PDB file of all heavy atoms in Angstrom:
ATOM      1  N   TRP A   1      14.308  -6.369 -15.628  1.00  0.00           N
ATOM      2  CA  TRP A   1      13.897  -6.189 -14.237  1.00  0.00           C
ATOM      3  C   TRP A   1      13.116  -4.903 -14.109  1.00  0.00           C
ATOM      4  O   TRP A   1      13.629  -3.812 -14.341  1.00  0.00           O
ATOM      5  CB  TRP A   1      15.111  -6.169 -13.292  1.00  0.00           C
ATOM      6  CG  TRP A   1      15.807  -7.497 -13.187  1.00  0.00           C
ATOM      7  CD1 TRP A   1      16.587  -8.105 -14.102  1.00  0.00           C
ATOM      8  CD2 TRP A   1      15.753  -8.361 -12.039  1.00  0.00           C
ATOM      9  NE1 TRP A   1      17.042  -9.291 -13.638  1.00  0.00           N
ATOM     10  CE2 TRP A   1      16.546  -9.503 -12.357  1.00  0.00           C
ATOM     11  CE3 TRP A   1      15.135  -8.329 -10.808  1.00  0.00           C
ATOM     12  CZ2 TRP A   1      16.740 -10.553 -11.510  1.00  0.00           C
ATOM     13  CZ3 TRP A   1      15.304  -9.373  -9.923  1.00  0.00           C
ATOM     14  CH2 TRP A   1      16.083 -10.476 -10.268  1.00  0.00           C
ATOM     15  N   LEU A   2      11.858  -5.024 -13.712  1.00  0.00           N
ATOM     16  CA  LEU A   2      11.006  -3.869 -13.456  1.00  0.00           C
ATOM     17  C   LEU A   2      10.870  -3.694 -11.961  1.00  0.00           C
ATOM     18  O   LEU A   2      10.439  -4.605 -11.252  1.00  0.00           O
ATOM     19  CB  LEU A   2       9.626  -4.058 -14.076  1.00  0.00           C
ATOM     20  CG  LEU A   2       9.608  -4.361 -15.607  1.00  0.00           C
ATOM     21  CD1 LEU A   2       8.177  -4.500 -16.082  1.00  0.00           C
ATOM     22  CD2 LEU A   2      10.325  -3.287 -16.374  1.00  0.00           C
ATOM     23  N   VAL A   3      11.258  -2.477 -11.461  1.00  0.00           N
ATOM     24  CA  VAL A   3      11.296  -2.243 -10.032  1.00  0.00           C
ATOM     25  C   VAL A   3      10.117  -1.368  -9.616  1.00  0.00           C
ATOM     26  O   VAL A   3       9.798  -0.354 -10.274  1.00  0.00           O
ATOM     27  CB  VAL A   3      12.631  -1.517  -9.641  1.00  0.00           C
ATOM     28  CG1 VAL A   3      12.692  -1.270  -8.130  1.00  0.00           C
ATOM     29  CG2 VAL A   3      13.832  -2.348 -10.105  1.00  0.00           C
ATOM     30  N   PHE A   4       9.452  -1.773  -8.513  1.00  0.00           N
ATOM     31  CA  PHE A   4       8.271  -1.043  -8.010  1.00  0.00           C
ATOM     32  C   PHE A   4       8.533  -0.642  -6.564  1.00  0.00           C
ATOM     33  O   PHE A   4       9.045  -1.414  -5.764  1.00  0.00           O
ATOM     34  CB  PHE A   4       7.035  -1.956  -8.097  1.00  0.00           C
ATOM     35  CG  PHE A   4       6.698  -2.382  -9.497  1.00  0.00           C
ATOM     36  CD1 PHE A   4       7.343  -3.473 -10.085  1.00  0.00           C
ATOM     37  CD2 PHE A   4       5.716  -1.702 -10.199  1.00  0.00           C
ATOM     38  CE1 PHE A   4       7.023  -3.886 -11.362  1.00  0.00           C
ATOM     39  CE2 PHE A   4       5.404  -2.108 -11.503  1.00  0.00           C
ATOM     40  CZ  PHE A   4       6.052  -3.198 -12.095  1.00  0.00           C
ATOM     41  N   GLU A   5       8.096   0.578  -6.237  1.00  0.00           N
ATOM     42  CA  GLU A   5       8.317   1.079  -4.889  1.00  0.00           C
ATOM     43  C   GLU A   5       7.423   0.392  -3.868  1.00  0.00           C
ATOM     44  O   GLU A   5       7.846   0.061  -2.764  1.00  0.00           O
ATOM     45  CB  GLU A   5       8.085   2.614  -4.829  1.00  0.00           C
ATOM     46  CG  GLU A   5       9.047   3.418  -5.684  1.00  0.00           C
ATOM     47  CD  GLU A   5      10.460   3.400  -5.144  1.00  0.00           C
ATOM     48  OE1 GLU A   5      10.634   3.084  -3.939  1.00  0.00           O
ATOM     49  OE2 GLU A   5      11.400   3.632  -5.922  1.00  0.00           O
ATOM     50  N   GLN A   6       6.166   0.185  -4.232  1.00  0.00           N
ATOM     51  CA  GLN A   6       5.166  -0.355  -3.289  1.00  0.00           C
ATOM     52  C   GLN A   6       4.702  -1.760  -3.717  1.00  0.00           C
ATOM     53  O   GLN A   6       4.606  -2.044  -4.926  1.00  0.00           O
ATOM     54  CB  GLN A   6       3.947   0.567  -3.205  1.00  0.00           C
ATOM     55  CG  GLN A   6       4.272   1.972  -2.763  1.00  0.00           C
ATOM     56  CD  GLN A   6       4.837   2.026  -1.347  1.00  0.00           C
ATOM     57  OE1 GLN A   6       4.478   1.213  -0.499  1.00  0.00           O
ATOM     58  NE2 GLN A   6       5.721   2.985  -1.113  1.00  0.00           N
ATOM     59  N   ALA A   7       4.434  -2.566  -2.722  1.00  0.00           N
ATOM     60  CA  ALA A   7       3.964  -3.942  -3.031  1.00  0.00           C
ATOM     61  C   ALA A   7       2.628  -3.935  -3.748  1.00  0.00           C
ATOM     62  O   ALA A   7       2.370  -4.778  -4.623  1.00  0.00           O
ATOM     63  CB  ALA A   7       3.844  -4.743  -1.718  1.00  0.00           C
ATOM     64  N   GLU A   8       1.762  -2.975  -3.422  1.00  0.00           N
ATOM     65  CA  GLU A   8       0.420  -2.923  -4.050  1.00  0.00           C
ATOM     66  C   GLU A   8       0.539  -2.595  -5.552  1.00  0.00           C
ATOM     67  O   GLU A   8      -0.176  -3.174  -6.368  1.00  0.00           O
ATOM     68  CB  GLU A   8      -0.445  -1.875  -3.375  1.00  0.00           C
ATOM     69  CG  GLU A   8      -0.874  -2.218  -1.974  1.00  0.00           C
ATOM     70  CD  GLU A   8       0.257  -2.004  -0.950  1.00  0.00           C
ATOM     71  OE1 GLU A   8       1.280  -1.450  -1.317  1.00  0.00           O
ATOM     72  OE2 GLU A   8       0.057  -2.461   0.212  1.00  0.00           O
ATOM     73  N   THR A   9       1.475  -1.674  -5.904  1.00  0.00           N
ATOM     74  CA  THR A   9       1.681  -1.341  -7.308  1.00  0.00           C
ATOM     75  C   THR A   9       2.228  -2.539  -8.059  1.00  0.00           C
ATOM     76  O   THR A   9       1.787  -2.855  -9.168  1.00  0.00           O
ATOM     77  CB  THR A   9       2.643  -0.171  -7.420  1.00  0.00           C
ATOM     78  OG1 THR A   9       2.233   0.907  -6.591  1.00  0.00           O
ATOM     79  CG2 THR A   9       2.716   0.327  -8.862  1.00  0.00           C
ATOM     80  N   LEU A  10       3.169  -3.230  -7.445  1.00  0.00           N
ATOM     81  CA  LEU A  10       3.709  -4.452  -8.041  1.00  0.00           C
ATOM     82  C   LEU A  10       2.619  -5.507  -8.238  1.00  0.00           C
ATOM     83  O   LEU A  10       2.550  -6.157  -9.287  1.00  0.00           O
ATOM     84  CB  LEU A  10       4.835  -4.977  -7.163  1.00  0.00           C
ATOM     85  CG  LEU A  10       5.373  -6.388  -7.443  1.00  0.00           C
ATOM     86  CD1 LEU A  10       5.910  -6.472  -8.854  1.00  0.00           C
ATOM     87  CD2 LEU A  10       6.443  -6.772  -6.425  1.00  0.00           C
ATOM     88  N   PHE A  11       1.781  -5.662  -7.253  1.00  0.00           N
ATOM     89  CA  PHE A  11       0.729  -6.669  -7.315  1.00  0.00           C
ATOM     90  C   PHE A  11      -0.245  -6.374  -8.462  1.00  0.00           C
ATOM     91  O   PHE A  11      -0.567  -7.294  -9.246  1.00  0.00           O
ATOM     92  CB  PHE A  11      -0.027  -6.664  -6.001  1.00  0.00           C
ATOM     93  CG  PHE A  11      -1.317  -7.462  -6.014  1.00  0.00           C
ATOM     94  CD1 PHE A  11      -1.285  -8.840  -6.006  1.00  0.00           C
ATOM     95  CD2 PHE A  11      -2.542  -6.814  -6.051  1.00  0.00           C
ATOM     96  CE1 PHE A  11      -2.470  -9.584  -6.031  1.00  0.00           C
ATOM     97  CE2 PHE A  11      -3.720  -7.549  -6.082  1.00  0.00           C
ATOM     98  CZ  PHE A  11      -3.682  -8.930  -6.080  1.00  0.00           C
ATOM     99  N   ASN A  12      -0.646  -5.123  -8.624  1.00  0.00           N
ATOM    100  CA  ASN A  12      -1.570  -4.773  -9.709  1.00  0.00           C
ATOM    101  C   ASN A  12      -0.950  -5.024 -11.074  1.00  0.00           C
ATOM    102  O   ASN A  12      -1.646  -5.451 -11.995  1.00  0.00           O
ATOM    103  CB  ASN A  12      -2.005  -3.284  -9.565  1.00  0.00           C
ATOM    104  CG  ASN A  12      -2.863  -3.066  -8.340  1.00  0.00           C
ATOM    105  OD1 ASN A  12      -3.602  -3.954  -7.912  1.00  0.00           O
ATOM    106  ND2 ASN A  12      -2.785  -1.889  -7.755  1.00  0.00           N
ATOM    107  N   ARG A  13       0.321  -4.759 -11.204  1.00  0.00           N
ATOM    108  CA  ARG A  13       1.018  -5.016 -12.493  1.00  0.00           C
ATOM    109  C   ARG A  13       1.123  -6.526 -12.736  1.00  0.00           C
ATOM    110  O   ARG A  13       0.970  -7.003 -13.864  1.00  0.00           O
ATOM    111  CB  ARG A  13       2.390  -4.389 -12.452  1.00  0.00           C
ATOM    112  CG  ARG A  13       3.301  -4.745 -13.594  1.00  0.00           C
ATOM    113  CD  ARG A  13       2.776  -4.269 -14.968  1.00  0.00           C
ATOM    114  NE  ARG A  13       3.725  -4.567 -16.035  1.00  0.00           N
ATOM    115  CZ  ARG A  13       3.917  -5.754 -16.555  1.00  0.00           C
ATOM    116  NH1 ARG A  13       3.175  -6.803 -16.140  1.00  0.00           N
ATOM    117  NH2 ARG A  13       4.808  -5.930 -17.513  1.00  0.00           N
ATOM    118  N   ALA A  14       1.381  -7.298 -11.681  1.00  0.00           N
ATOM    119  CA  ALA A  14       1.624  -8.732 -11.835  1.00  0.00           C
ATOM    120  C   ALA A  14       0.357  -9.517 -12.126  1.00  0.00           C
ATOM    121  O   ALA A  14       0.443 -10.667 -12.605  1.00  0.00           O
ATOM    122  CB  ALA A  14       2.283  -9.295 -10.550  1.00  0.00           C
ATOM    123  N   LEU A  15      -0.820  -8.941 -11.922  1.00  0.00           N
ATOM    124  CA  LEU A  15      -2.077  -9.646 -12.193  1.00  0.00           C
ATOM    125  C   LEU A  15      -2.208 -10.010 -13.655  1.00  0.00           C
ATOM    126  O   LEU A  15      -2.964 -10.894 -14.007  1.00  0.00           O
ATOM    127  CB  LEU A  15      -3.253  -8.784 -11.754  1.00  0.00           C
ATOM    128  CG  LEU A  15      -3.563  -8.772 -10.241  1.00  0.00           C
ATOM    129  CD1 LEU A  15      -4.648  -7.726  -9.946  1.00  0.00           C
ATOM    130  CD2 LEU A  15      -3.963 -10.144  -9.752  1.00  0.00           C
ATOM    131  N   ASN A  16      -1.450  -9.320 -14.552  1.00  0.00           N
ATOM    132  CA  ASN A  16      -1.542  -9.609 -15.973  1.00  0.00           C
ATOM    133  C   ASN A  16      -0.373 -10.512 -16.435  1.00  0.00           C
ATOM    134  O   ASN A  16      -0.252 -10.755 -17.634  1.00  0.00           O
ATOM    135  CB  ASN A  16      -1.500  -8.290 -16.772  1.00  0.00           C
ATOM    136  CG  ASN A  16      -2.692  -7.433 -16.486  1.00  0.00           C
ATOM    137  OD1 ASN A  16      -3.810  -7.931 -16.376  1.00  0.00           O
ATOM    138  ND2 ASN A  16      -2.471  -6.127 -16.304  1.00  0.00           N
ATOM    139  N   ALA A  17       0.443 -10.961 -15.509  1.00  0.00           N
ATOM    140  CA  ALA A  17       1.590 -11.781 -15.876  1.00  0.00           C
ATOM    141  C   ALA A  17       1.156 -13.198 -16.276  1.00  0.00           C
ATOM    142  O   ALA A  17       0.118 -13.691 -15.854  1.00  0.00           O
ATOM    143  CB  ALA A  17       2.581 -11.846 -14.715  1.00  0.00           C
ATOM    144  N   LYS A  18       1.991 -13.849 -17.135  1.00  0.00           N
ATOM    145  CA  LYS A  18       1.752 -15.189 -17.558  1.00  0.00           C
ATOM    146  C   LYS A  18       2.794 -16.157 -17.001  1.00  0.00           C
ATOM    147  O   LYS A  18       2.470 -17.268 -16.562  1.00  0.00           O
ATOM    148  CB  LYS A  18       1.725 -15.297 -19.085  1.00  0.00           C
ATOM    149  CG  LYS A  18       0.646 -14.464 -19.729  1.00  0.00           C
ATOM    150  CD  LYS A  18      -0.722 -14.928 -19.331  1.00  0.00           C
ATOM    151  CE  LYS A  18      -1.817 -14.124 -20.054  1.00  0.00           C
ATOM    152  NZ  LYS A  18      -3.194 -14.510 -19.598  1.00  0.00           N
ATOM    153  N   ALA A  19       4.062 -15.753 -17.078  1.00  0.00           N
ATOM    154  CA  ALA A  19       5.139 -16.625 -16.596  1.00  0.00           C
ATOM    155  C   ALA A  19       6.287 -15.844 -15.979  1.00  0.00           C
ATOM    156  O   ALA A  19       7.393 -16.350 -15.867  1.00  0.00           O
ATOM    157  CB  ALA A  19       5.643 -17.497 -17.742  1.00  0.00           C
ATOM    158  N   ALA A  20       6.015 -14.570 -15.616  1.00  0.00           N
ATOM    159  CA  ALA A  20       7.083 -13.719 -15.077  1.00  0.00           C
ATOM    160  C   ALA A  20       7.434 -14.164 -13.652  1.00  0.00           C
ATOM    161  O   ALA A  20       6.753 -14.991 -13.047  1.00  0.00           O
ATOM    162  CB  ALA A  20       6.617 -12.268 -15.067  1.00  0.00           C
ATOM    163  N   THR A  21       8.525 -13.583 -13.126  1.00  0.00           N
ATOM    164  CA  THR A  21       8.941 -13.827 -11.760  1.00  0.00           C
ATOM    165  C   THR A  21       8.625 -12.595 -10.915  1.00  0.00           C
ATOM    166  O   THR A  21       9.031 -11.480 -11.273  1.00  0.00           O
ATOM    167  CB  THR A  21      10.457 -14.115 -11.664  1.00  0.00           C
ATOM    168  OG1 THR A  21      10.755 -15.256 -12.457  1.00  0.00           O
ATOM    169  CG2 THR A  21      10.893 -14.369 -10.232  1.00  0.00           C
ATOM    170  N   VAL A  22       7.879 -12.765  -9.857  1.00  0.00           N
ATOM    171  CA  VAL A  22       7.430 -11.678  -8.985  1.00  0.00           C
ATOM    172  C   VAL A  22       8.155 -11.810  -7.663  1.00  0.00           C
ATOM    173  O   VAL A  22       8.091 -12.865  -7.016  1.00  0.00           O
ATOM    174  CB  VAL A  22       5.886 -11.693  -8.787  1.00  0.00           C
ATOM    175  CG1 VAL A  22       5.472 -10.570  -7.865  1.00  0.00           C
ATOM    176  CG2 VAL A  22       5.200 -11.621 -10.105  1.00  0.00           C
ATOM    177  N   VAL A  23       8.874 -10.747  -7.231  1.00  0.00           N
ATOM    178  CA  VAL A  23       9.649 -10.804  -6.008  1.00  0.00           C
ATOM    179  C   VAL A  23       9.068  -9.789  -5.017  1.00  0.00           C
ATOM    180  O   VAL A  23       9.103  -8.571  -5.264  1.00  0.00           O
ATOM    181  CB  VAL A  23      11.146 -10.500  -6.261  1.00  0.00           C
ATOM    182  CG1 VAL A  23      11.930 -10.691  -4.960  1.00  0.00           C
ATOM    183  CG2 VAL A  23      11.684 -11.381  -7.357  1.00  0.00           C
ATOM    184  N   LEU A  24       8.563 -10.272  -3.878  1.00  0.00           N
ATOM    185  CA  LEU A  24       7.982  -9.457  -2.832  1.00  0.00           C
ATOM    186  C   LEU A  24       8.924  -9.470  -1.599  1.00  0.00           C
ATOM    187  O   LEU A  24       9.723 -10.416  -1.443  1.00  0.00           O
ATOM    188  CB  LEU A  24       6.619  -9.964  -2.421  1.00  0.00           C
ATOM    189  CG  LEU A  24       5.548  -9.969  -3.541  1.00  0.00           C
ATOM    190  CD1 LEU A  24       4.376 -10.800  -3.117  1.00  0.00           C
ATOM    191  CD2 LEU A  24       5.070  -8.529  -3.794  1.00  0.00           C
ATOM    192  N   ALA A  25       8.809  -8.461  -0.767  1.00  0.00           N
ATOM    193  CA  ALA A  25       9.692  -8.382   0.409  1.00  0.00           C
ATOM    194  C   ALA A  25       8.837  -8.481   1.674  1.00  0.00           C
ATOM    195  O   ALA A  25       7.682  -8.032   1.716  1.00  0.00           O
ATOM    196  CB  ALA A  25      10.432  -7.028   0.415  1.00  0.00           C
ATOM    197  N   VAL A  26       9.409  -9.075   2.717  1.00  0.00           N
ATOM    198  CA  VAL A  26       8.743  -9.144   4.029  1.00  0.00           C
ATOM    199  C   VAL A  26       9.747  -8.690   5.080  1.00  0.00           C
ATOM    200  O   VAL A  26      10.882  -9.169   5.105  1.00  0.00           O
ATOM    201  CB  VAL A  26       8.232 -10.572   4.301  1.00  0.00           C
ATOM    202  CG1 VAL A  26       9.316 -11.605   4.288  1.00  0.00           C
ATOM    203  CG2 VAL A  26       7.466 -10.598   5.658  1.00  0.00           C
ATOM    204  N   ASN A  27       9.294  -7.770   5.924  1.00  0.00           N
ATOM    205  CA  ASN A  27      10.157  -7.202   6.931  1.00  0.00           C
ATOM    206  C   ASN A  27       9.801  -7.605   8.350  1.00  0.00           C
ATOM    207  O   ASN A  27      10.626  -7.552   9.256  1.00  0.00           O
ATOM    208  CB  ASN A  27      10.122  -5.669   6.817  1.00  0.00           C
ATOM    209  CG  ASN A  27      11.266  -4.986   7.523  1.00  0.00           C
ATOM    210  OD1 ASN A  27      12.391  -5.447   7.450  1.00  0.00           O
ATOM    211  ND2 ASN A  27      10.942  -3.901   8.233  1.00  0.00           N
ATOM    212  N   GLU A  28       8.522  -8.011   8.557  1.00  0.00           N
ATOM    213  CA  GLU A  28       8.061  -8.435   9.867  1.00  0.00           C
ATOM    214  C   GLU A  28       6.894  -9.378   9.660  1.00  0.00           C
ATOM    215  O   GLU A  28       6.205  -9.314   8.637  1.00  0.00           O
ATOM    216  CB  GLU A  28       7.675  -7.245  10.744  1.00  0.00           C
ATOM    217  CG  GLU A  28       6.667  -6.304  10.089  1.00  0.00           C
ATOM    218  CD  GLU A  28       6.350  -5.099  10.933  1.00  0.00           C
ATOM    219  OE1 GLU A  28       6.909  -5.019  12.084  1.00  0.00           O
ATOM    220  OE2 GLU A  28       5.579  -4.238  10.509  1.00  0.00           O
ATOM    221  N   ASN A  29       6.618 -10.240  10.647  1.00  0.00           N
ATOM    222  CA  ASN A  29       5.630 -11.272  10.415  1.00  0.00           C
ATOM    223  C   ASN A  29       4.189 -10.744  10.428  1.00  0.00           C
ATOM    224  O   ASN A  29       3.257 -11.441  10.031  1.00  0.00           O
ATOM    225  CB  ASN A  29       5.734 -12.414  11.418  1.00  0.00           C
ATOM    226  CG  ASN A  29       5.652 -11.964  12.854  1.00  0.00           C
ATOM    227  OD1 ASN A  29       5.235 -10.852  13.154  1.00  0.00           O
ATOM    228  ND2 ASN A  29       6.096 -12.834  13.750  1.00  0.00           N
ATOM    229  N   ARG A  30       3.988  -9.450  10.793  1.00  0.00           N
ATOM    230  CA  ARG A  30       2.646  -8.873  10.668  1.00  0.00           C
ATOM    231  C   ARG A  30       2.274  -8.675   9.205  1.00  0.00           C
ATOM    232  O   ARG A  30       1.083  -8.489   8.886  1.00  0.00           O
ATOM    233  CB  ARG A  30       2.565  -7.553  11.415  1.00  0.00           C
ATOM    234  CG  ARG A  30       2.435  -7.720  12.909  1.00  0.00           C
ATOM    235  CD  ARG A  30       2.330  -6.399  13.613  1.00  0.00           C
ATOM    236  NE  ARG A  30       3.586  -5.674  13.550  1.00  0.00           N
ATOM    237  CZ  ARG A  30       3.801  -4.513  14.186  1.00  0.00           C
ATOM    238  NH1 ARG A  30       2.874  -3.952  14.921  1.00  0.00           N
ATOM    239  NH2 ARG A  30       4.986  -3.894  14.077  1.00  0.00           N
ATOM    240  N   GLN A  31       3.228  -8.726   8.306  1.00  0.00           N
ATOM    241  CA  GLN A  31       2.949  -8.559   6.891  1.00  0.00           C
ATOM    242  C   GLN A  31       2.580  -9.896   6.178  1.00  0.00           C
ATOM    243  O   GLN A  31       2.166  -9.888   5.045  1.00  0.00           O
ATOM    244  CB  GLN A  31       4.170  -7.982   6.163  1.00  0.00           C
ATOM    245  CG  GLN A  31       4.624  -6.633   6.702  1.00  0.00           C
ATOM    246  CD  GLN A  31       5.971  -6.222   6.110  1.00  0.00           C
ATOM    247  OE1 GLN A  31       6.792  -7.077   5.826  1.00  0.00           O
ATOM    248  NE2 GLN A  31       6.178  -4.936   5.933  1.00  0.00           N
ATOM    249  N   VAL A  32       2.746 -10.986   6.905  1.00  0.00           N
ATOM    250  CA  VAL A  32       2.631 -12.306   6.249  1.00  0.00           C
ATOM    251  C   VAL A  32       1.255 -12.554   5.692  1.00  0.00           C
ATOM    252  O   VAL A  32       1.114 -13.025   4.555  1.00  0.00           O
ATOM    253  CB  VAL A  32       3.071 -13.424   7.262  1.00  0.00           C
ATOM    254  CG1 VAL A  32       2.724 -14.774   6.696  1.00  0.00           C
ATOM    255  CG2 VAL A  32       4.555 -13.311   7.566  1.00  0.00           C
ATOM    256  N   GLU A  33       0.216 -12.274   6.484  1.00  0.00           N
ATOM    257  CA  GLU A  33      -1.131 -12.611   5.985  1.00  0.00           C
ATOM    258  C   GLU A  33      -1.498 -11.818   4.753  1.00  0.00           C
ATOM    259  O   GLU A  33      -2.126 -12.371   3.820  1.00  0.00           O
ATOM    260  CB  GLU A  33      -2.142 -12.445   7.100  1.00  0.00           C
ATOM    261  CG  GLU A  33      -2.000 -13.453   8.242  1.00  0.00           C
ATOM    262  CD  GLU A  33      -3.203 -13.502   9.174  1.00  0.00           C
ATOM    263  OE1 GLU A  33      -4.172 -12.766   8.894  1.00  0.00           O
ATOM    264  OE2 GLU A  33      -3.151 -14.256  10.137  1.00  0.00           O
ATOM    265  N   SER A  34      -1.156 -10.543   4.694  1.00  0.00           N
ATOM    266  CA  SER A  34      -1.456  -9.729   3.509  1.00  0.00           C
ATOM    267  C   SER A  34      -0.649 -10.272   2.300  1.00  0.00           C
ATOM    268  O   SER A  34      -1.171 -10.300   1.166  1.00  0.00           O
ATOM    269  CB  SER A  34      -1.189  -8.267   3.761  1.00  0.00           C
ATOM    270  OG  SER A  34       0.184  -8.029   4.036  1.00  0.00           O
ATOM    271  N   LEU A  35       0.595 -10.651   2.513  1.00  0.00           N
ATOM    272  CA  LEU A  35       1.410 -11.204   1.422  1.00  0.00           C
ATOM    273  C   LEU A  35       0.815 -12.542   0.961  1.00  0.00           C
ATOM    274  O   LEU A  35       0.831 -12.838  -0.251  1.00  0.00           O
ATOM    275  CB  LEU A  35       2.865 -11.401   1.879  1.00  0.00           C
ATOM    276  CG  LEU A  35       3.739 -10.146   1.976  1.00  0.00           C
ATOM    277  CD1 LEU A  35       5.111 -10.512   2.492  1.00  0.00           C
ATOM    278  CD2 LEU A  35       3.846  -9.470   0.647  1.00  0.00           C
ATOM    279  N   ALA A  36       0.338 -13.353   1.900  1.00  0.00           N
ATOM    280  CA  ALA A  36      -0.257 -14.608   1.546  1.00  0.00           C
ATOM    281  C   ALA A  36      -1.501 -14.415   0.691  1.00  0.00           C
ATOM    282  O   ALA A  36      -1.734 -15.126  -0.293  1.00  0.00           O
ATOM    283  CB  ALA A  36      -0.616 -15.423   2.793  1.00  0.00           C
ATOM    284  N   ARG A  37      -2.292 -13.409   1.007  1.00  0.00           N
ATOM    285  CA  ARG A  37      -3.503 -13.100   0.192  1.00  0.00           C
ATOM    286  C   ARG A  37      -3.080 -12.646  -1.204  1.00  0.00           C
ATOM    287  O   ARG A  37      -3.737 -12.992  -2.203  1.00  0.00           O
ATOM    288  CB  ARG A  37      -4.356 -12.076   0.896  1.00  0.00           C
ATOM    289  CG  ARG A  37      -4.960 -12.570   2.205  1.00  0.00           C
ATOM    290  CD  ARG A  37      -5.814 -11.513   2.865  1.00  0.00           C
ATOM    291  NE  ARG A  37      -6.221 -11.916   4.208  1.00  0.00           N
ATOM    292  CZ  ARG A  37      -7.226 -12.718   4.469  1.00  0.00           C
ATOM    293  NH1 ARG A  37      -7.978 -13.170   3.501  1.00  0.00           N
ATOM    294  NH2 ARG A  37      -7.506 -13.046   5.744  1.00  0.00           N
ATOM    295  N   MET A  38      -2.048 -11.836  -1.266  1.00  0.00           N
ATOM    296  CA  MET A  38      -1.536 -11.386  -2.570  1.00  0.00           C
ATOM    297  C   MET A  38      -1.096 -12.608  -3.411  1.00  0.00           C
ATOM    298  O   MET A  38      -1.427 -12.723  -4.595  1.00  0.00           O
ATOM    299  CB  MET A  38      -0.348 -10.438  -2.392  1.00  0.00           C
ATOM    300  CG  MET A  38      -0.686  -9.035  -2.023  1.00  0.00           C
ATOM    301  SD  MET A  38       0.793  -8.006  -2.019  1.00  0.00           S
ATOM    302  CE  MET A  38       0.108  -6.449  -1.425  1.00  0.00           C
ATOM    303  N   ALA A  39      -0.298 -13.486  -2.797  1.00  0.00           N
ATOM    304  CA  ALA A  39       0.194 -14.651  -3.486  1.00  0.00           C
ATOM    305  C   ALA A  39      -0.934 -15.524  -3.982  1.00  0.00           C
ATOM    306  O   ALA A  39      -0.910 -16.047  -5.131  1.00  0.00           O
ATOM    307  CB  ALA A  39       1.145 -15.444  -2.574  1.00  0.00           C
ATOM    308  N   ARG A  40      -1.978 -15.719  -3.163  1.00  0.00           N
ATOM    309  CA  ARG A  40      -3.081 -16.580  -3.560  1.00  0.00           C
ATOM    310  C   ARG A  40      -3.845 -15.970  -4.740  1.00  0.00           C
ATOM    311  O   ARG A  40      -4.206 -16.645  -5.698  1.00  0.00           O
ATOM    312  CB  ARG A  40      -4.006 -16.806  -2.368  1.00  0.00           C
ATOM    313  CG  ARG A  40      -5.248 -17.659  -2.643  1.00  0.00           C
ATOM    314  CD  ARG A  40      -4.900 -18.974  -3.331  1.00  0.00           C
ATOM    315  NE  ARG A  40      -3.998 -19.781  -2.573  1.00  0.00           N
ATOM    316  CZ  ARG A  40      -4.337 -20.741  -1.712  1.00  0.00           C
ATOM    317  NH1 ARG A  40      -5.599 -20.990  -1.506  1.00  0.00           N
ATOM    318  NH2 ARG A  40      -3.402 -21.421  -1.106  1.00  0.00           N
ATOM    319  N   ARG A  41      -4.078 -14.643  -4.712  1.00  0.00           N
ATOM    320  CA  ARG A  41      -4.784 -13.984  -5.809  1.00  0.00           C
ATOM    321  C   ARG A  41      -3.973 -14.033  -7.092  1.00  0.00           C
ATOM    322  O   ARG A  41      -4.508 -14.241  -8.171  1.00  0.00           O
ATOM    323  CB  ARG A  41      -5.124 -12.544  -5.409  1.00  0.00           C
ATOM    324  CG  ARG A  41      -6.247 -12.402  -4.398  1.00  0.00           C
ATOM    325  CD  ARG A  41      -6.651 -10.957  -4.227  1.00  0.00           C
ATOM    326  NE  ARG A  41      -7.115 -10.382  -5.489  1.00  0.00           N
ATOM    327  CZ  ARG A  41      -7.326  -9.076  -5.647  1.00  0.00           C
ATOM    328  NH1 ARG A  41      -7.089  -8.229  -4.662  1.00  0.00           N
ATOM    329  NH2 ARG A  41      -7.729  -8.607  -6.830  1.00  0.00           N
ATOM    330  N   LEU A  42      -2.672 -13.841  -6.961  1.00  0.00           N
ATOM    331  CA  LEU A  42      -1.799 -13.934  -8.147  1.00  0.00           C
ATOM    332  C   LEU A  42      -1.845 -15.334  -8.721  1.00  0.00           C
ATOM    333  O   LEU A  42      -1.897 -15.538  -9.953  1.00  0.00           O
ATOM    334  CB  LEU A  42      -0.349 -13.538  -7.783  1.00  0.00           C
ATOM    335  CG  LEU A  42      -0.089 -12.055  -7.593  1.00  0.00           C
ATOM    336  CD1 LEU A  42       1.360 -11.830  -7.111  1.00  0.00           C
ATOM    337  CD2 LEU A  42      -0.312 -11.286  -8.892  1.00  0.00           C
ATOM    338  N   ARG A  43      -1.745 -16.338  -7.857  1.00  0.00           N
ATOM    339  CA  ARG A  43      -1.720 -17.734  -8.323  1.00  0.00           C
ATOM    340  C   ARG A  43      -3.009 -18.088  -9.037  1.00  0.00           C
ATOM    341  O   ARG A  43      -3.036 -18.706 -10.089  1.00  0.00           O
ATOM    342  CB  ARG A  43      -1.466 -18.645  -7.131  1.00  0.00           C
ATOM    343  CG  ARG A  43      -1.297 -20.076  -7.486  1.00  0.00           C
ATOM    344  CD  ARG A  43      -0.147 -20.303  -8.448  1.00  0.00           C
ATOM    345  NE  ARG A  43       1.150 -19.970  -7.851  1.00  0.00           N
ATOM    346  CZ  ARG A  43       2.252 -19.817  -8.552  1.00  0.00           C
ATOM    347  NH1 ARG A  43       2.231 -19.983  -9.857  1.00  0.00           N
ATOM    348  NH2 ARG A  43       3.387 -19.499  -7.938  1.00  0.00           N
ATOM    349  N   ASN A  44      -4.144 -17.682  -8.442  1.00  0.00           N
ATOM    350  CA  ASN A  44      -5.440 -18.000  -9.066  1.00  0.00           C
ATOM    351  C   ASN A  44      -5.647 -17.244 -10.366  1.00  0.00           C
ATOM    352  O   ASN A  44      -6.276 -17.766 -11.293  1.00  0.00           O
ATOM    353  CB  ASN A  44      -6.590 -17.656  -8.084  1.00  0.00           C
ATOM    354  CG  ASN A  44      -6.638 -18.643  -6.926  1.00  0.00           C
ATOM    355  OD1 ASN A  44      -6.134 -19.772  -6.996  1.00  0.00           O
ATOM    356  ND2 ASN A  44      -7.229 -18.206  -5.832  1.00  0.00           N
TER     357      ASN A  44
END
């Protein structure tokens, strides 16, 4: 388990993943669209 303080740091590290599990946190719905963009970029 690799722990990251910020979602952006985690995102940059996960861009090189092949089959890892990435766990993001959401605290309010204003964060949803930015998380969705992160998820789409990671998936692609």
